[in-house]
Every structure is written in structure tokens, then in C-alpha cells.
PDB file of N, CA and C in Angstrom:
ATOM      1  N   MET A   1      18.988 -28.113 -51.920  1.00  0.00           N
ATOM      2  CA  MET A   1      18.816 -27.416 -52.742  1.00  0.00           C
ATOM      3  C   MET A   1      20.304 -27.748 -53.683  1.00  0.00           C
ATOM      4  N   LYS A   2      19.602 -28.921 -54.575  1.00  0.00           N
ATOM      5  CA  LYS A   2      20.379 -29.336 -55.852  1.00  0.00           C
ATOM      6  C   LYS A   2      20.339 -28.257 -56.992  1.00  0.00           C
ATOM      7  N   ARG A   3      21.409 -28.447 -57.461  1.00  0.00           N
ATOM      8  CA  ARG A   3      21.337 -27.426 -58.599  1.00  0.00           C
ATOM      9  C   ARG A   3      21.034 -28.121 -59.730  1.00  0.00           C
ATOM     10  N   ASN A   4      20.709 -27.641 -60.828  1.00  0.00           N
ATOM     11  CA  ASN A   4      19.466 -28.290 -61.728  1.00  0.00           C
ATOM     12  C   ASN A   4      20.193 -28.049 -63.286  1.00  0.00           C
ATOM     13  N   TYR A   5      21.748 -28.441 -63.579  1.00  0.00           N
ATOM     14  CA  TYR A   5      22.081 -28.060 -64.681  1.00  0.00           C
ATOM     15  C   TYR A   5      21.331 -28.515 -66.410  1.00  0.00           C
ATOM     16  N   LYS A   6      20.664 -29.058 -66.038  1.00  0.00           N
ATOM     17  CA  LYS A   6      19.833 -29.462 -67.402  1.00  0.00           C
ATOM     18  C   LYS A   6      18.975 -28.071 -67.618  1.00  0.00           C
ATOM     19  N   ARG A   7      18.377 -27.523 -66.365  1.00  0.00           N
ATOM     20  CA  ARG A   7      18.081 -26.551 -66.787  1.00  0.00           C
ATOM     21  C   ARG A   7      18.001 -25.091 -66.944  1.00  0.00           C
ATOM     22  N   GLU A   8      19.743 -25.431 -65.802  1.00  0.00           N
ATOM     23  CA  GLU A   8      20.975 -24.035 -66.531  1.00  0.00           C
ATOM     24  C   GLU A   8      21.517 -24.190 -68.142  1.00  0.00           C
ATOM     25  N   TYR A   9      21.307 -25.070 -68.321  1.00  0.00           N
ATOM     26  CA  TYR A   9      21.882 -24.921 -70.258  1.00  0.00           C
ATOM     27  C   TYR A   9      21.089 -24.786 -71.284  1.00  0.00           C
ATOM     28  N   LYS A  10      19.538 -25.164 -70.298  1.00  0.00           N
ATOM     29  CA  LYS A  10      18.945 -24.604 -71.172  1.00  0.00           C
ATOM     30  C   LYS A  10      18.601 -22.760 -71.181  1.00  0.00           C
ATOM     31  N   LYS A  11      18.357 -22.820 -70.078  1.00  0.00           N
ATOM     32  CA  LYS A  11      17.823 -21.517 -69.753  1.00  0.00           C
ATOM     33  C   LYS A  11      18.774 -20.194 -70.144  1.00  0.00           C
ATOM     34  N   TYR A  12      19.668 -20.689 -69.842  1.00  0.00           N
ATOM     35  CA  TYR A  12      21.132 -19.361 -69.624  1.00  0.00           C
ATOM     36  C   TYR A  12      22.094 -19.731 -70.949  1.00  0.00           C
ATOM     37  N   HIS A  13      22.942 -20.863 -70.940  1.00  0.00           N
ATOM     38  CA  HIS A  13      24.271 -21.752 -71.882  1.00  0.00           C
ATOM     39  C   HIS A  13      23.237 -21.860 -73.463  1.00  0.00           C
ATOM     40  N   SER A  14      22.183 -22.336 -73.454  1.00  0.00           N
ATOM     41  CA  SER A  14      22.382 -22.921 -75.126  1.00  0.00           C
ATOM     42  C   SER A  14      21.739 -21.677 -75.621  1.00  0.00           C
ATOM     43  N   LEU A  15      21.468 -20.388 -75.116  1.00  0.00           N
ATOM     44  CA  LEU A  15      21.533 -18.565 -76.019  1.00  0.00           C
ATOM     45  C   LEU A  15      22.247 -18.847 -77.033  1.00  0.00           C
ATOM     46  N   PRO A  16      22.065 -18.544 -78.210  1.00  0.00           N
ATOM     47  CA  PRO A  16      23.124 -18.045 -79.404  1.00  0.00           C
ATOM     48  C   PRO A  16      23.942 -16.692 -79.102  1.00  0.00           C
ATOM     49  N   ARG A  17      23.563 -16.035 -77.975  1.00  0.00           N
ATOM     50  CA  ARG A  17      24.316 -14.856 -77.293  1.00  0.00           C
ATOM     51  C   ARG A  17      25.748 -14.901 -76.136  1.00  0.00           C
ATOM     52  N   GLU A  18      25.237 -16.216 -75.832  1.00  0.00           N
ATOM     53  CA  GLU A  18      26.406 -17.099 -75.051  1.00  0.00           C
ATOM     54  C   GLU A  18      27.034 -18.157 -75.605  1.00  0.00           C
ATOM     55  N   LYS A  19      26.484 -18.629 -76.312  1.00  0.00           N
ATOM     56  CA  LYS A  19      27.416 -19.721 -77.111  1.00  0.00           C
ATOM     57  C   LYS A  19      28.836 -18.718 -77.940  1.00  0.00           C
ATOM     58  N   ILE A  20      28.192 -17.793 -78.453  1.00  0.00           N
ATOM     59  CA  ILE A  20      29.215 -16.826 -78.948  1.00  0.00           C
ATOM     60  C   ILE A  20      30.083 -16.204 -78.537  1.00  0.00           C
ATOM     61  N   ARG A  21      29.784 -16.052 -76.579  1.00  0.00           N
ATOM     62  CA  ARG A  21      30.547 -15.604 -76.015  1.00  0.00           C
ATOM     63  C   ARG A  21      31.836 -16.377 -75.697  1.00  0.00           C
ATOM     64  N   ARG A  22      31.563 -18.045 -75.234  1.00  0.00           N
ATOM     65  CA  ARG A  22      32.014 -18.987 -74.973  1.00  0.00           C
ATOM     66  C   ARG A  22      32.988 -19.656 -76.311  1.00  0.00           C
ATOM     67  N   ALA A  23      32.628 -19.454 -77.604  1.00  0.00           N
ATOM     68  CA  ALA A  23      33.602 -19.054 -78.260  1.00  0.00           C
ATOM     69  C   ALA A  23      34.393 -18.822 -77.972  1.00  0.00           C
ATOM     70  N   GLY A  24      34.138 -18.091 -78.210  1.00  0.00           N
ATOM     71  CA  GLY A  24      35.522 -16.340 -78.213  1.00  0.00           C
ATOM     72  C   GLY A  24      36.278 -16.605 -76.606  1.00  0.00           C
ATOM     73  N   ARG A  25      35.892 -17.425 -75.794  1.00  0.00           N
ATOM     74  CA  ARG A  25      36.688 -17.593 -74.675  1.00  0.00           C
ATOM     75  C   ARG A  25      37.884 -18.619 -74.294  1.00  0.00           C
ATOM     76  N   ASN A  26      37.197 -19.662 -75.545  1.00  0.00           N
ATOM     77  CA  ASN A  26      37.750 -20.763 -75.857  1.00  0.00           C
ATOM     78  C   ASN A  26      38.580 -20.504 -77.138  1.00  0.00           C
ATOM     79  N   ASN A  27      38.390 -19.569 -78.482  1.00  0.00           N
ATOM     80  CA  ASN A  27      39.316 -19.124 -79.352  1.00  0.00           C
ATOM     81  C   ASN A  27      40.957 -18.456 -78.645  1.00  0.00           C
ATOM     82  N   SER A  28      40.832 -17.770 -77.542  1.00  0.00           N
ATOM     83  CA  SER A  28      41.488 -16.333 -76.557  1.00  0.00           C
ATOM     84  C   SER A  28      42.661 -17.619 -76.090  1.00  0.00           C
ATOM     85  N   ARG A  29      42.035 -18.969 -75.313  1.00  0.00           N
ATOM     86  CA  ARG A  29      42.298 -20.025 -74.801  1.00  0.00           C
ATOM     87  C   ARG A  29      43.524 -20.910 -75.357  1.00  0.00           C
ATOM     88  N   ARG A  30      43.140 -21.266 -76.784  1.00  0.00           N
ATOM     89  CA  ARG A  30      43.295 -21.693 -77.686  1.00  0.00           C
ATOM     90  C   ARG A  30      44.393 -21.311 -78.316  1.00  0.00           C
ATOM     91  N   MET A  31      44.704 -19.280 -78.200  1.00  0.00           N
ATOM     92  CA  MET A  31      45.428 -19.245 -78.999  1.00  0.00           C
ATOM     93  C   MET A  31      47.208 -18.606 -78.326  1.00  0.00           C
ATOM     94  N   MET A  32      46.708 -18.740 -76.182  1.00  0.00           N
ATOM     95  CA  MET A  32      47.636 -18.818 -75.700  1.00  0.00           C
ATOM     96  C   MET A  32      48.267 -19.911 -75.587  1.00  0.00           C
ATOM     97  N   LEU A  33      47.544 -21.093 -75.767  1.00  0.00           N
ATOM     98  CA  LEU A  33      47.865 -22.517 -75.777  1.00  0.00           C
ATOM     99  C   LEU A  33      49.292 -22.110 -76.459  1.00  0.00           C
ATOM    100  N   ARG A  34      48.762 -22.063 -78.242  1.00  0.00           N
ATOM    101  CA  ARG A  34      49.214 -22.164 -79.037  1.00  0.00           C
ATOM    102  C   ARG A  34      50.619 -21.170 -79.021  1.00  0.00           C
ATOM    103  N   LEU A  35      51.324 -20.977 -78.113  1.00  0.00           N
ATOM    104  CA  LEU A  35      52.040 -19.424 -77.856  1.00  0.00           C
ATOM    105  C   LEU A  35      53.379 -20.071 -76.746  1.00  0.00           C
ATOM    106  N   GLY A  36      51.876 -20.478 -75.419  1.00  0.00           N
ATOM    107  CA  GLY A  36      53.040 -21.349 -74.637  1.00  0.00           C
ATOM    108  C   GLY A  36      52.835 -20.330 -73.498  1.00  0.00           C
ATOM    109  N   LYS A  37      51.752 -19.464 -73.541  1.00  0.00           N
ATOM    110  CA  LYS A  37      51.808 -18.678 -72.443  1.00  0.00           C
ATOM    111  C   LYS A  37      51.075 -19.588 -70.958  1.00  0.00           C
ATOM    112  N   VAL A  38      50.464 -20.747 -71.236  1.00  0.00           N
ATOM    113  CA  VAL A  38      49.481 -21.822 -70.351  1.00  0.00           C
ATOM    114  C   VAL A  38      49.868 -22.350 -70.686  1.00  0.00           C
ATOM    115  N   ARG A  39      49.521 -23.748 -69.738  1.00  0.00           N
ATOM    116  CA  ARG A  39      49.838 -25.138 -69.912  1.00  0.00           C
ATOM    117  C   ARG A  39      48.520 -26.110 -70.219  1.00  0.00           C
ATOM    118  N   LYS A  40      48.290 -26.676 -71.511  1.00  0.00           N
ATOM    119  CA  LYS A  40      47.141 -27.850 -71.577  1.00  0.00           C
ATOM    120  C   LYS A  40      46.512 -28.136 -69.528  1.00  0.00           C
ATOM    121  N   TYR A  41      45.752 -28.451 -69.450  1.00  0.00           N
ATOM    122  CA  TYR A  41      44.874 -29.015 -68.382  1.00  0.00           C
ATOM    123  C   TYR A  41      45.271 -27.312 -67.225  1.00  0.00           C
ATOM    124  N   SER A  42      46.121 -26.512 -67.526  1.00  0.00           N
ATOM    125  CA  SER A  42      46.415 -25.482 -66.054  1.00  0.00           C
ATOM    126  C   SER A  42      45.468 -24.852 -65.620  1.00  0.00           C
ATOM    127  N   SER A  43      44.568 -24.464 -64.900  1.00  0.00           N
ATOM    128  CA  SER A  43      44.111 -23.599 -64.126  1.00  0.00           C
ATOM    129  C   SER A  43      44.086 -22.330 -63.877  1.00  0.00           C
ATOM    130  N   THR A  44      44.921 -21.808 -64.835  1.00  0.00           N
ATOM    131  CA  THR A  44      44.558 -20.365 -65.183  1.00  0.00           C
ATOM    132  C   THR A  44      44.126 -20.040 -66.316  1.00  0.00           C
ATOM    133  N   ASP A  45      43.019 -18.495 -66.068  1.00  0.00           N
ATOM    134  CA  ASP A  45      42.043 -18.163 -66.837  1.00  0.00           C
ATOM    135  C   ASP A  45      42.733 -16.881 -67.901  1.00  0.00           C
ATOM    136  N   ILE A  46      42.194 -16.753 -69.100  1.00  0.00           N
ATOM    137  CA  ILE A  46      43.031 -15.770 -69.924  1.00  0.00           C
ATOM    138  C   ILE A  46      42.145 -14.587 -69.998  1.00  0.00           C
ATOM    139  N   HIS A  47      42.964 -13.642 -69.273  1.00  0.00           N
ATOM    140  CA  HIS A  47      41.780 -11.983 -68.433  1.00  0.00           C
ATOM    141  C   HIS A  47      41.838 -11.823 -69.688  1.00  0.00           C
ATOM    142  N   HIS A  48      40.802 -11.014 -70.686  1.00  0.00           N
ATOM    143  CA  HIS A  48      40.343  -9.752 -71.333  1.00  0.00           C
ATOM    144  C   HIS A  48      40.381  -8.630 -70.356  1.00  0.00           C
ATOM    145  N   LYS A  49      41.439  -7.552 -71.071  1.00  0.00           N
ATOM    146  CA  LYS A  49      41.308  -6.433 -69.934  1.00  0.00           C
ATOM    147  C   LYS A  49      40.498  -5.632 -70.505  1.00  0.00           C
ATOM    148  N   ASP A  50      39.947  -5.516 -71.445  1.00  0.00           N
ATOM    149  CA  ASP A  50      39.278  -4.304 -71.732  1.00  0.00           C
ATOM    150  C   ASP A  50      37.278  -4.805 -71.563  1.00  0.00           C
ATOM    151  N   GLY A  51      37.630  -6.474 -71.473  1.00  0.00           N
ATOM    152  CA  GLY A  51      36.117  -7.266 -70.856  1.00  0.00           C
ATOM    153  C   GLY A  51      35.146  -7.613 -71.979  1.00  0.00           C
ATOM    154  N   ASN A  52      36.054  -7.633 -73.351  1.00  0.00           N
ATOM    155  CA  ASN A  52      35.171  -7.994 -74.740  1.00  0.00           C
ATOM    156  C   ASN A  52      35.499  -9.624 -74.820  1.00  0.00           C
ATOM    157  N   THR A  53      34.793 -10.588 -74.594  1.00  0.00           N
ATOM    158  CA  THR A  53      35.566 -11.853 -75.253  1.00  0.00           C
ATOM    159  C   THR A  53      35.864 -12.298 -77.149  1.00  0.00           C
ATOM    160  N   TRP A  54      35.136 -10.852 -77.490  1.00  0.00           N
ATOM    161  CA  TRP A  54      35.993 -10.985 -79.290  1.00  0.00           C
ATOM    162  C   TRP A  54      36.951 -10.304 -79.332  1.00  0.00           C
ATOM    163  N   HIS A  55      37.578  -9.393 -78.416  1.00  0.00           N
ATOM    164  CA  HIS A  55      38.864  -8.741 -78.393  1.00  0.00           C
ATOM    165  C   HIS A  55      40.126  -9.563 -77.899  1.00  0.00           C
ATOM    166  N   ASN A  56      40.725 -10.438 -79.332  1.00  0.00           N
ATOM    167  CA  ASN A  56      41.636 -11.062 -78.365  1.00  0.00           C
ATOM    168  C   ASN A  56      43.270 -11.107 -79.054  1.00  0.00           C
ATOM    169  N   ASN A  57      42.843 -10.249 -79.202  1.00  0.00           N
ATOM    170  CA  ASN A  57      44.840  -8.851 -79.884  1.00  0.00           C
ATOM    171  C   ASN A  57      45.002  -9.034 -78.406  1.00  0.00           C
ATOM    172  N   LEU A  58      46.830  -9.580 -78.796  1.00  0.00           N
ATOM    173  CA  LEU A  58      47.543 -10.235 -77.588  1.00  0.00           C
ATOM    174  C   LEU A  58      48.250  -9.138 -76.679  1.00  0.00           C
ATOM    175  N   LYS A  59      47.659  -8.489 -77.475  1.00  0.00           N
ATOM    176  CA  LYS A  59      47.553  -6.465 -75.982  1.00  0.00           C
ATOM    177  C   LYS A  59      46.324  -6.379 -75.011  1.00  0.00           C
ATOM    178  N   ASN A  60      45.156  -7.513 -75.458  1.00  0.00           N
ATOM    179  CA  ASN A  60      44.278  -7.388 -74.409  1.00  0.00           C
ATOM    180  C   ASN A  60      43.729  -8.922 -73.940  1.00  0.00           C
ATOM    181  N   LEU A  61      45.344  -9.823 -73.735  1.00  0.00           N
ATOM    182  CA  LEU A  61      45.413 -10.821 -72.937  1.00  0.00           C
ATOM    183  C   LEU A  61      46.254 -11.204 -71.840  1.00  0.00           C
ATOM    184  N   LYS A  62      45.778 -11.645 -70.985  1.00  0.00           N
ATOM    185  CA  LYS A  62      46.835 -11.886 -70.203  1.00  0.00           C
ATOM    186  C   LYS A  62      46.319 -12.775 -69.060  1.00  0.00           C
ATOM    187  N   PRO A  63      48.014 -13.879 -68.825  1.00  0.00           N
ATOM    188  CA  PRO A  63      46.916 -15.153 -68.451  1.00  0.00           C
ATOM    189  C   PRO A  63      46.950 -14.873 -66.785  1.00  0.00           C
ATOM    190  N   MET A  64      46.444 -15.314 -65.783  1.00  0.00           N
ATOM    191  CA  MET A  64      46.278 -14.661 -64.893  1.00  0.00           C
ATOM    192  C   MET A  64      45.511 -16.339 -63.731  1.00  0.00           C
ATOM    193  N   SER A  65      45.723 -16.304 -62.835  1.00  0.00           N
ATOM    194  CA  SER A  65      45.114 -17.138 -61.978  1.00  0.00           C
ATOM    195  C   SER A  65      43.256 -17.253 -61.840  1.00  0.00           C
ATOM    196  N   LYS A  66      42.631 -18.259 -61.763  1.00  0.00           N
ATOM    197  CA  LYS A  66      41.077 -18.380 -61.019  1.00  0.00           C
ATOM    198  C   LYS A  66      40.810 -17.318 -60.714  1.00  0.00           C
ATOM    199  N   TYR A  67      41.736 -17.389 -59.457  1.00  0.00           N
ATOM    200  CA  TYR A  67      40.902 -16.819 -57.875  1.00  0.00           C
ATOM    201  C   TYR A  67      40.735 -15.197 -58.356  1.00  0.00           C
ATOM    202  N   LYS A  68      41.755 -14.386 -59.145  1.00  0.00           N
ATOM    203  CA  LYS A  68      41.850 -13.539 -59.470  1.00  0.00           C
ATOM    204  C   LYS A  68      41.549 -12.863 -60.211  1.00  0.00           C
ATOM    205  N   ASN A  69      41.213 -13.532 -61.388  1.00  0.00           N
ATOM    206  CA  ASN A  69      40.292 -13.040 -62.698  1.00  0.00           C
ATOM    207  C   ASN A  69      39.322 -13.104 -62.639  1.00  0.00           C
ATOM    208  N   ARG A  70      38.546 -14.101 -61.529  1.00  0.00           N
ATOM    209  CA  ARG A  70      36.888 -14.423 -61.195  1.00  0.00           C
ATOM    210  C   ARG A  70      36.546 -13.263 -60.210  1.00  0.00           C
ATOM    211  N   SER A  71      37.703 -12.456 -59.422  1.00  0.00           N
ATOM    212  CA  SER A  71      37.028 -11.288 -58.591  1.00  0.00           C
ATOM    213  C   SER A  71      36.865 -10.152 -59.139  1.00  0.00           C
ATOM    214  N   ILE A  72      37.822  -9.992 -60.339  1.00  0.00           N
ATOM    215  CA  ILE A  72      37.577  -9.051 -61.292  1.00  0.00           C
ATOM    216  C   ILE A  72      36.006  -8.651 -61.260  1.00  0.00           C
ATOM    217  N   LYS A  73      35.543  -7.223 -61.401  1.00  0.00           N
ATOM    218  CA  LYS A  73      33.829  -6.887 -61.647  1.00  0.00           C
ATOM    219  C   LYS A  73      34.315  -6.245 -62.488  1.00  0.00           C
TER     220      LYS A  73
END
């Protein structure tokens, strides 16, 4: 079965709550780029130690491989 991206966006990614969370993740990524912790287009994720995407304090952020970061529950 093919993945229906249009339906997925409509049901999940377009929700105001998810837009806010995505904005927080993007903000932390931009901050780490400015500080030189990650490079543009790298496959590195920014890990939020406490899980809160709005808590973008440097002590809470850590560059991490996608594999490692997405395996954390």
C-alpha cells in the first residue's frame, strides 16, 4: 500500500500543535548551525535531552546521529 502524504499532512502535520512543535525543532537546528555545532545539510539531528522542543537552552541540546536520536524513547 502506498503512503498517502496529502492525507497524512491534513490529519497530522497541519495541526496547530504540530506546527508549533516543528517550529521549535527548526529553531534549535538554526541555533546549532549558527554556533557551528552542525553543518548545513548534514544528517545530524538535534537531541533535546528533556524531550521538550521549546526548551532550547544550550545545556538541553546535543547534536546526535539520526539513528541514535530516533531510537531514544
